[in-house]
Amino acid sequence: MVLAYLGDNVYEYYVRRYLIEQKISNVDALQKTSVNYVSAKNQAMFLEKLINNNYFDEEELSIIKRARNNKGHGHPKNCDIVTYKHATALEALIGYLKLEGKEDRIENIMELILGGSLC
């Protein structure tokens, strides 16, 4: 969960930077557009698509599985526990990569997510 805590921040930074680079200058529009990337439902979908495309190596899959199988029982009211755990797993992977100094890998993952090739 600590990795997900860090990963959430890193992930959101990339999303915010991307949206600003898209010349969205209205804060309300930024917030509404960001939901397309930061909602648990969409994060879970991005993770699932990357897994289905065999994008991750064994080490990354291990982090994803450990985070996804974490015994935490809480989740937001607006999504089910499975979706929340998948979203948390993506954030945990991003946090892990950040701590390992694997900025290039984070860039690759975020490029796929933000570039629309997973949508």
N, C-alpha and C. Protein backbone atom coordinates (compact mmCIF):
# COMPACT_ATOMS: atom_id res chain seq x y z
N MET A 1 0.82 -1.20 0.00
CA MET A 1 0.00 0.00 0.00
C MET A 1 0.87 1.26 0.00
N VAL A 2 2.05 1.16 0.57
CA VAL A 2 2.96 2.31 0.58
C VAL A 2 3.43 2.61 -0.85
N LEU A 3 3.69 1.56 -1.62
CA LEU A 3 4.07 1.76 -3.01
C LEU A 3 2.94 2.42 -3.80
N ALA A 4 1.72 2.01 -3.53
CA ALA A 4 0.56 2.60 -4.20
C ALA A 4 0.39 4.07 -3.80
N TYR A 5 0.70 4.37 -2.56
CA TYR A 5 0.62 5.76 -2.08
C TYR A 5 1.56 6.65 -2.89
N LEU A 6 2.79 6.18 -3.08
CA LEU A 6 3.76 6.93 -3.88
C LEU A 6 3.34 6.93 -5.35
N GLY A 7 2.96 5.76 -5.85
CA GLY A 7 2.59 5.62 -7.25
C GLY A 7 1.41 6.48 -7.65
N ASP A 8 0.46 6.64 -6.75
CA ASP A 8 -0.69 7.50 -7.02
C ASP A 8 -0.23 8.91 -7.32
N ASN A 9 0.71 9.40 -6.54
CA ASN A 9 1.23 10.75 -6.73
C ASN A 9 1.97 10.87 -8.05
N VAL A 10 2.82 9.92 -8.35
CA VAL A 10 3.60 9.95 -9.59
C VAL A 10 2.66 9.85 -10.80
N TYR A 11 1.71 8.92 -10.74
CA TYR A 11 0.75 8.72 -11.83
C TYR A 11 -0.03 10.01 -12.08
N GLU A 12 -0.52 10.60 -11.02
CA GLU A 12 -1.31 11.82 -11.17
C GLU A 12 -0.47 12.97 -11.73
N TYR A 13 0.79 13.04 -11.34
CA TYR A 13 1.68 14.06 -11.90
C TYR A 13 1.78 13.91 -13.42
N TYR A 14 1.98 12.70 -13.90
CA TYR A 14 2.09 12.47 -15.34
C TYR A 14 0.80 12.86 -16.05
N VAL A 15 -0.33 12.50 -15.46
CA VAL A 15 -1.62 12.84 -16.06
C VAL A 15 -1.80 14.35 -16.11
N ARG A 16 -1.53 15.03 -15.02
CA ARG A 16 -1.70 16.48 -14.98
C ARG A 16 -0.77 17.18 -15.98
N ARG A 17 0.48 16.72 -16.03
CA ARG A 17 1.43 17.31 -16.97
C ARG A 17 0.95 17.10 -18.41
N TYR A 18 0.50 15.89 -18.71
CA TYR A 18 0.01 15.59 -20.04
C TYR A 18 -1.17 16.49 -20.43
N LEU A 19 -2.12 16.66 -19.54
CA LEU A 19 -3.30 17.48 -19.84
C LEU A 19 -2.92 18.94 -20.03
N ILE A 20 -2.00 19.43 -19.24
CA ILE A 20 -1.54 20.81 -19.42
C ILE A 20 -0.83 20.96 -20.75
N GLU A 21 -0.05 19.95 -21.14
CA GLU A 21 0.63 19.99 -22.44
C GLU A 21 -0.37 19.95 -23.59
N GLN A 22 -1.58 19.47 -23.32
CA GLN A 22 -2.63 19.44 -24.34
C GLN A 22 -3.33 20.79 -24.46
N LYS A 23 -2.80 21.78 -23.74
CA LYS A 23 -3.28 23.17 -23.78
C LYS A 23 -4.67 23.34 -23.16
N ILE A 24 -5.01 22.46 -22.22
CA ILE A 24 -6.24 22.65 -21.46
C ILE A 24 -5.91 23.63 -20.35
N SER A 25 -6.51 24.80 -20.39
CA SER A 25 -6.13 25.85 -19.45
C SER A 25 -7.20 26.11 -18.39
N ASN A 26 -8.36 25.55 -18.53
CA ASN A 26 -9.43 25.73 -17.56
C ASN A 26 -9.33 24.63 -16.51
N VAL A 27 -9.26 25.01 -15.25
CA VAL A 27 -9.08 24.04 -14.17
C VAL A 27 -10.24 23.05 -14.11
N ASP A 28 -11.46 23.52 -14.32
CA ASP A 28 -12.60 22.60 -14.31
C ASP A 28 -12.47 21.57 -15.43
N ALA A 29 -12.06 22.00 -16.60
CA ALA A 29 -11.87 21.07 -17.72
C ALA A 29 -10.73 20.10 -17.43
N LEU A 30 -9.67 20.60 -16.80
CA LEU A 30 -8.57 19.72 -16.41
C LEU A 30 -9.06 18.62 -15.48
N GLN A 31 -9.83 19.02 -14.49
CA GLN A 31 -10.35 18.06 -13.51
C GLN A 31 -11.26 17.02 -14.18
N LYS A 32 -12.17 17.48 -15.01
CA LYS A 32 -13.10 16.56 -15.67
C LYS A 32 -12.38 15.61 -16.61
N THR A 33 -11.39 16.10 -17.33
CA THR A 33 -10.65 15.28 -18.27
C THR A 33 -9.75 14.28 -17.54
N SER A 34 -9.21 14.70 -16.41
CA SER A 34 -8.31 13.81 -15.67
C SER A 34 -9.00 12.54 -15.20
N VAL A 35 -10.30 12.62 -14.97
CA VAL A 35 -11.05 11.43 -14.52
C VAL A 35 -10.93 10.29 -15.53
N ASN A 36 -10.74 10.63 -16.81
CA ASN A 36 -10.57 9.60 -17.83
C ASN A 36 -9.33 8.74 -17.58
N TYR A 37 -8.42 9.23 -16.77
CA TYR A 37 -7.17 8.53 -16.51
C TYR A 37 -7.00 8.11 -15.06
N VAL A 38 -7.53 8.87 -14.12
CA VAL A 38 -7.23 8.61 -12.71
C VAL A 38 -8.33 7.85 -11.95
N SER A 39 -9.45 7.60 -12.58
CA SER A 39 -10.49 6.84 -11.88
C SER A 39 -10.03 5.40 -11.71
N ALA A 40 -10.47 4.77 -10.64
CA ALA A 40 -10.09 3.37 -10.39
C ALA A 40 -10.53 2.49 -11.55
N LYS A 41 -11.70 2.75 -12.09
CA LYS A 41 -12.21 1.94 -13.21
C LYS A 41 -11.27 2.02 -14.40
N ASN A 42 -10.83 3.21 -14.75
CA ASN A 42 -9.94 3.36 -15.91
C ASN A 42 -8.53 2.85 -15.63
N GLN A 43 -8.03 3.07 -14.42
CA GLN A 43 -6.71 2.53 -14.07
C GLN A 43 -6.73 1.01 -14.15
N ALA A 44 -7.78 0.40 -13.65
CA ALA A 44 -7.90 -1.07 -13.71
C ALA A 44 -7.95 -1.54 -15.16
N MET A 45 -8.67 -0.81 -16.00
CA MET A 45 -8.75 -1.16 -17.42
C MET A 45 -7.38 -1.06 -18.08
N PHE A 46 -6.63 0.01 -17.80
CA PHE A 46 -5.30 0.16 -18.38
C PHE A 46 -4.39 -0.99 -17.96
N LEU A 47 -4.44 -1.33 -16.68
CA LEU A 47 -3.61 -2.43 -16.18
C LEU A 47 -3.97 -3.73 -16.88
N GLU A 48 -5.24 -4.01 -16.99
CA GLU A 48 -5.70 -5.25 -17.63
C GLU A 48 -5.23 -5.33 -19.08
N LYS A 49 -5.32 -4.23 -19.80
CA LYS A 49 -4.88 -4.22 -21.20
C LYS A 49 -3.37 -4.44 -21.31
N LEU A 50 -2.61 -3.84 -20.42
CA LEU A 50 -1.16 -4.04 -20.44
C LEU A 50 -0.81 -5.49 -20.11
N ILE A 51 -1.50 -6.07 -19.14
CA ILE A 51 -1.27 -7.48 -18.80
C ILE A 51 -1.63 -8.37 -19.98
N ASN A 52 -2.77 -8.12 -20.59
CA ASN A 52 -3.21 -8.95 -21.73
C ASN A 52 -2.27 -8.85 -22.93
N ASN A 53 -1.54 -7.75 -23.02
CA ASN A 53 -0.56 -7.58 -24.11
C ASN A 53 0.85 -8.00 -23.70
N ASN A 54 0.95 -8.72 -22.57
CA ASN A 54 2.24 -9.23 -22.08
C ASN A 54 3.29 -8.13 -21.98
N TYR A 55 2.89 -7.01 -21.47
CA TYR A 55 3.77 -5.84 -21.41
C TYR A 55 4.76 -5.91 -20.26
N PHE A 56 4.41 -6.59 -19.18
CA PHE A 56 5.22 -6.58 -17.97
C PHE A 56 6.17 -7.77 -17.90
N ASP A 57 7.33 -7.53 -17.27
CA ASP A 57 8.25 -8.64 -17.03
C ASP A 57 7.85 -9.34 -15.73
N GLU A 58 8.53 -10.41 -15.39
CA GLU A 58 8.17 -11.21 -14.20
C GLU A 58 8.26 -10.41 -12.91
N GLU A 59 9.27 -9.58 -12.78
CA GLU A 59 9.43 -8.77 -11.58
C GLU A 59 8.25 -7.81 -11.42
N GLU A 60 7.87 -7.17 -12.51
CA GLU A 60 6.75 -6.23 -12.47
C GLU A 60 5.45 -6.96 -12.17
N LEU A 61 5.26 -8.13 -12.77
CA LEU A 61 4.05 -8.91 -12.50
C LEU A 61 3.98 -9.33 -11.04
N SER A 62 5.12 -9.61 -10.45
CA SER A 62 5.16 -9.98 -9.04
C SER A 62 4.68 -8.82 -8.17
N ILE A 63 5.14 -7.61 -8.47
CA ILE A 63 4.70 -6.42 -7.73
C ILE A 63 3.20 -6.23 -7.91
N ILE A 64 2.73 -6.36 -9.13
CA ILE A 64 1.30 -6.20 -9.43
C ILE A 64 0.47 -7.21 -8.64
N LYS A 65 0.88 -8.46 -8.65
CA LYS A 65 0.12 -9.51 -7.96
C LYS A 65 0.12 -9.31 -6.45
N ARG A 66 1.27 -8.92 -5.90
CA ARG A 66 1.32 -8.68 -4.45
C ARG A 66 0.42 -7.52 -4.06
N ALA A 67 0.45 -6.46 -4.83
CA ALA A 67 -0.39 -5.29 -4.52
C ALA A 67 -1.88 -5.63 -4.70
N ARG A 68 -2.18 -6.34 -5.75
CA ARG A 68 -3.57 -6.70 -6.04
C ARG A 68 -4.13 -7.63 -4.96
N ASN A 69 -3.27 -8.48 -4.40
CA ASN A 69 -3.72 -9.45 -3.41
C ASN A 69 -3.57 -8.96 -1.98
N ASN A 70 -3.23 -7.69 -1.81
CA ASN A 70 -3.11 -7.11 -0.47
C ASN A 70 -4.40 -7.32 0.30
N LYS A 71 -4.28 -7.57 1.57
CA LYS A 71 -5.44 -7.91 2.40
C LYS A 71 -6.31 -6.71 2.80
N GLY A 72 -5.95 -5.52 2.37
CA GLY A 72 -6.79 -4.36 2.70
C GLY A 72 -8.21 -4.56 2.22
N HIS A 73 -9.17 -4.20 3.05
CA HIS A 73 -10.58 -4.45 2.72
C HIS A 73 -11.35 -3.19 2.33
N GLY A 74 -10.75 -2.04 2.53
CA GLY A 74 -11.46 -0.81 2.22
C GLY A 74 -11.40 -0.49 0.74
N HIS A 75 -12.41 0.17 0.26
CA HIS A 75 -12.44 0.66 -1.12
C HIS A 75 -13.48 1.76 -1.23
N PRO A 76 -13.31 2.63 -2.23
CA PRO A 76 -14.27 3.72 -2.41
C PRO A 76 -15.67 3.19 -2.71
N LYS A 77 -16.66 3.97 -2.39
CA LYS A 77 -18.04 3.57 -2.62
C LYS A 77 -18.40 3.49 -4.10
N ASN A 78 -17.64 4.21 -4.94
CA ASN A 78 -18.01 4.29 -6.36
C ASN A 78 -17.42 3.18 -7.21
N CYS A 79 -16.74 2.18 -6.60
CA CYS A 79 -16.25 1.04 -7.38
C CYS A 79 -16.17 -0.19 -6.50
N ASP A 80 -16.15 -1.34 -7.15
CA ASP A 80 -16.09 -2.60 -6.41
C ASP A 80 -14.65 -2.89 -5.97
N ILE A 81 -14.50 -3.84 -5.08
CA ILE A 81 -13.21 -4.15 -4.48
C ILE A 81 -12.20 -4.67 -5.51
N VAL A 82 -12.65 -5.45 -6.48
CA VAL A 82 -11.74 -6.01 -7.50
C VAL A 82 -11.17 -4.88 -8.36
N THR A 83 -12.01 -3.98 -8.80
CA THR A 83 -11.57 -2.84 -9.60
C THR A 83 -10.58 -2.00 -8.81
N TYR A 84 -10.91 -1.74 -7.55
CA TYR A 84 -10.04 -0.93 -6.70
C TYR A 84 -8.67 -1.60 -6.53
N LYS A 85 -8.65 -2.90 -6.34
CA LYS A 85 -7.38 -3.62 -6.15
C LYS A 85 -6.54 -3.59 -7.42
N HIS A 86 -7.17 -3.67 -8.57
CA HIS A 86 -6.42 -3.58 -9.82
C HIS A 86 -5.84 -2.18 -10.02
N ALA A 87 -6.61 -1.17 -9.70
CA ALA A 87 -6.12 0.22 -9.79
C ALA A 87 -4.96 0.43 -8.83
N THR A 88 -5.10 -0.10 -7.63
CA THR A 88 -4.04 0.00 -6.63
C THR A 88 -2.78 -0.71 -7.10
N ALA A 89 -2.94 -1.83 -7.78
CA ALA A 89 -1.79 -2.58 -8.29
C ALA A 89 -1.01 -1.76 -9.31
N LEU A 90 -1.72 -1.05 -10.19
CA LEU A 90 -1.04 -0.19 -11.16
C LEU A 90 -0.28 0.92 -10.43
N GLU A 91 -0.91 1.53 -9.45
CA GLU A 91 -0.24 2.58 -8.69
C GLU A 91 0.97 2.04 -7.93
N ALA A 92 0.85 0.84 -7.38
CA ALA A 92 1.97 0.23 -6.66
C ALA A 92 3.14 -0.03 -7.60
N LEU A 93 2.85 -0.49 -8.80
CA LEU A 93 3.91 -0.71 -9.77
C LEU A 93 4.62 0.59 -10.10
N ILE A 94 3.86 1.64 -10.32
CA ILE A 94 4.45 2.95 -10.62
C ILE A 94 5.32 3.41 -9.44
N GLY A 95 4.83 3.23 -8.21
CA GLY A 95 5.60 3.58 -7.03
C GLY A 95 6.89 2.78 -6.92
N TYR A 96 6.80 1.50 -7.19
CA TYR A 96 7.98 0.63 -7.17
C TYR A 96 9.02 1.09 -8.19
N LEU A 97 8.55 1.35 -9.40
CA LEU A 97 9.47 1.80 -10.46
C LEU A 97 10.12 3.12 -10.09
N LYS A 98 9.37 4.00 -9.45
CA LYS A 98 9.92 5.29 -9.02
C LYS A 98 11.03 5.08 -7.99
N LEU A 99 10.78 4.25 -7.01
CA LEU A 99 11.78 3.99 -5.98
C LEU A 99 13.03 3.32 -6.55
N GLU A 100 12.84 2.51 -7.58
CA GLU A 100 13.96 1.82 -8.22
C GLU A 100 14.71 2.73 -9.21
N GLY A 101 14.19 3.94 -9.41
CA GLY A 101 14.83 4.87 -10.34
C GLY A 101 14.61 4.52 -11.80
N LYS A 102 13.56 3.78 -12.08
CA LYS A 102 13.27 3.33 -13.45
C LYS A 102 12.33 4.31 -14.14
N GLU A 103 12.81 5.52 -14.27
CA GLU A 103 12.00 6.59 -14.87
C GLU A 103 11.62 6.28 -16.31
N ASP A 104 12.53 5.66 -17.06
CA ASP A 104 12.23 5.33 -18.46
C ASP A 104 11.05 4.37 -18.56
N ARG A 105 10.99 3.42 -17.64
CA ARG A 105 9.90 2.45 -17.67
C ARG A 105 8.58 3.14 -17.32
N ILE A 106 8.61 4.04 -16.35
CA ILE A 106 7.40 4.79 -16.01
C ILE A 106 6.95 5.59 -17.23
N GLU A 107 7.90 6.24 -17.88
CA GLU A 107 7.59 7.02 -19.09
C GLU A 107 6.92 6.14 -20.14
N ASN A 108 7.45 4.92 -20.35
CA ASN A 108 6.88 4.00 -21.34
C ASN A 108 5.44 3.65 -21.01
N ILE A 109 5.21 3.30 -19.76
CA ILE A 109 3.87 2.91 -19.32
C ILE A 109 2.91 4.08 -19.47
N MET A 110 3.32 5.24 -18.99
CA MET A 110 2.45 6.41 -19.05
C MET A 110 2.21 6.86 -20.49
N GLU A 111 3.19 6.70 -21.33
CA GLU A 111 3.02 7.04 -22.75
C GLU A 111 1.95 6.17 -23.38
N LEU A 112 1.94 4.88 -23.05
CA LEU A 112 0.90 3.98 -23.57
C LEU A 112 -0.48 4.38 -23.05
N ILE A 113 -0.54 4.69 -21.78
CA ILE A 113 -1.81 5.07 -21.18
C ILE A 113 -2.31 6.41 -21.72
N LEU A 114 -1.44 7.39 -21.71
CA LEU A 114 -1.84 8.75 -22.10
C LEU A 114 -1.89 8.95 -23.61
N GLY A 115 -1.11 8.17 -24.31
CA GLY A 115 -1.06 8.30 -25.76
C GLY A 115 -2.28 7.73 -26.47
N GLY A 116 -3.13 7.06 -25.71
CA GLY A 116 -4.36 6.57 -26.27
C GLY A 116 -4.29 5.20 -26.92
N SER A 117 -3.10 4.59 -26.94
CA SER A 117 -2.99 3.30 -27.60
C SER A 117 -3.64 2.19 -26.79
N LEU A 118 -4.03 2.47 -25.55
CA LEU A 118 -4.71 1.47 -24.74
C LEU A 118 -6.21 1.72 -24.68
N CYS A 119 -6.65 2.88 -25.10
CA CYS A 119 -8.07 3.25 -24.99
C CYS A 119 -8.92 2.49 -25.98
